């Protein structure tokens, strides 16, 4: 299976991941912790996926 991804998509996924992590950091003192944990988990997943997609794009490019 060939994974074809554009650089634009990879950068957008990385930006969304970093944004979710920043939201989790800014809301860490709120009384409802489940939303903070959800943002943190999604941020880590999107950031790792974005880095993976950028590396994959660079390897496919040559």
C-alpha atoms as a PDB file:
ATOM      1  CA  UNK A   1       0.000   0.000   0.000  1.00  0.00           C
ATOM      2  CA  UNK A   2       1.433   3.300  -1.078  1.00  0.00           C
ATOM      3  CA  UNK A   3       0.896   6.286   1.184  1.00  0.00           C
ATOM      4  CA  UNK A   4       0.767   9.491  -0.835  1.00  0.00           C
ATOM      5  CA  UNK A   5       0.611  12.682   1.150  1.00  0.00           C
ATOM      6  CA  UNK A   6       1.270  16.306   0.319  1.00  0.00           C
ATOM      7  CA  UNK A   7       3.493  18.536   2.366  1.00  0.00           C
ATOM      8  CA  UNK A   8       0.541  20.872   2.992  1.00  0.00           C
ATOM      9  CA  UNK A   9      -1.436  18.085   4.672  1.00  0.00           C
ATOM     10  CA  UNK A  10       1.525  17.046   6.816  1.00  0.00           C
ATOM     11  CA  UNK A  11       2.134  20.603   8.003  1.00  0.00           C
ATOM     12  CA  UNK A  12      -1.564  21.139   8.802  1.00  0.00           C
ATOM     13  CA  UNK A  13      -1.664  17.934  10.886  1.00  0.00           C
ATOM     14  CA  UNK A  14       1.469  19.037  12.738  1.00  0.00           C
ATOM     15  CA  UNK A  15       0.017  22.502  13.427  1.00  0.00           C
ATOM     16  CA  UNK A  16      -3.238  20.996  14.733  1.00  0.00           C
ATOM     17  CA  UNK A  17      -1.260  18.722  17.051  1.00  0.00           C
ATOM     18  CA  UNK A  18       0.806  21.579  18.440  1.00  0.00           C
ATOM     19  CA  UNK A  19      -2.332  23.683  18.882  1.00  0.00           C
ATOM     20  CA  UNK A  20      -4.053  20.908  20.852  1.00  0.00           C
ATOM     21  CA  UNK A  21      -1.009  20.564  23.107  1.00  0.00           C
ATOM     22  CA  UNK A  22      -0.957  24.319  23.725  1.00  0.00           C
ATOM     23  CA  UNK A  23      -4.688  24.280  24.597  1.00  0.00           C
ATOM     24  CA  UNK A  24      -4.058  21.463  27.071  1.00  0.00           C
ATOM     25  CA  UNK A  25      -1.189  23.378  28.662  1.00  0.00           C
ATOM     26  CA  UNK A  26      -3.251  26.569  28.962  1.00  0.00           C
ATOM     27  CA  UNK A  27      -6.227  24.751  30.529  1.00  0.00           C
ATOM     28  CA  UNK A  28      -4.316  22.537  32.961  1.00  0.00           C
ATOM     29  CA  UNK A  29      -5.563  24.473  36.020  1.00  0.00           C
ATOM     30  CA  UNK A  30      -9.260  24.063  35.232  1.00  0.00           C
ATOM     31  CA  UNK A  31     -11.340  21.887  37.553  1.00  0.00           C
ATOM     32  CA  UNK A  32     -12.560  19.575  34.770  1.00  0.00           C
ATOM     33  CA  UNK A  33      -9.494  17.497  33.901  1.00  0.00           C
ATOM     34  CA  UNK A  34     -11.037  15.115  31.346  1.00  0.00           C
ATOM     35  CA  UNK A  35     -11.099  17.775  28.617  1.00  0.00           C
ATOM     36  CA  UNK A  36      -7.483  18.668  29.352  1.00  0.00           C
ATOM     37  CA  UNK A  37      -6.424  15.027  29.063  1.00  0.00           C
ATOM     38  CA  UNK A  38      -8.364  14.645  25.811  1.00  0.00           C
ATOM     39  CA  UNK A  39      -6.638  17.665  24.263  1.00  0.00           C
ATOM     40  CA  UNK A  40      -3.256  16.425  25.439  1.00  0.00           C
ATOM     41  CA  UNK A  41      -3.755  12.929  24.026  1.00  0.00           C
ATOM     42  CA  UNK A  42      -5.058  14.225  20.687  1.00  0.00           C
ATOM     43  CA  UNK A  43      -2.194  16.723  20.524  1.00  0.00           C
ATOM     44  CA  UNK A  44       0.421  14.037  21.008  1.00  0.00           C
ATOM     45  CA  UNK A  45      -1.217  11.765  18.420  1.00  0.00           C
ATOM     46  CA  UNK A  46      -1.506  14.527  15.804  1.00  0.00           C
ATOM     47  CA  UNK A  47       2.042  15.758  16.445  1.00  0.00           C
ATOM     48  CA  UNK A  48       3.539  12.289  16.047  1.00  0.00           C
ATOM     49  CA  UNK A  49       1.442  11.677  12.932  1.00  0.00           C
ATOM     50  CA  UNK A  50       2.491  15.035  11.456  1.00  0.00           C
ATOM     51  CA  UNK A  51       6.171  14.299  12.017  1.00  0.00           C
ATOM     52  CA  UNK A  52       5.719  10.845  10.493  1.00  0.00           C
ATOM     53  CA  UNK A  53       3.986  12.314   7.427  1.00  0.00           C
ATOM     54  CA  UNK A  54       6.718  14.926   6.910  1.00  0.00           C
ATOM     55  CA  UNK A  55       9.438  12.268   7.169  1.00  0.00           C
ATOM     56  CA  UNK A  56       7.496  10.031   4.792  1.00  0.00           C
ATOM     57  CA  UNK A  57       7.099  12.916   2.322  1.00  0.00           C
ATOM     58  CA  UNK A  58      10.823  13.659   2.484  1.00  0.00           C
ATOM     59  CA  UNK A  59      11.732  10.020   1.880  1.00  0.00           C
ATOM     60  CA  UNK A  60       9.363   9.722  -1.083  1.00  0.00           C
ATOM     61  CA  UNK A  61      10.723  12.933  -2.566  1.00  0.00           C
ATOM     62  CA  UNK A  62      14.208  11.508  -2.810  1.00  0.00           C
END
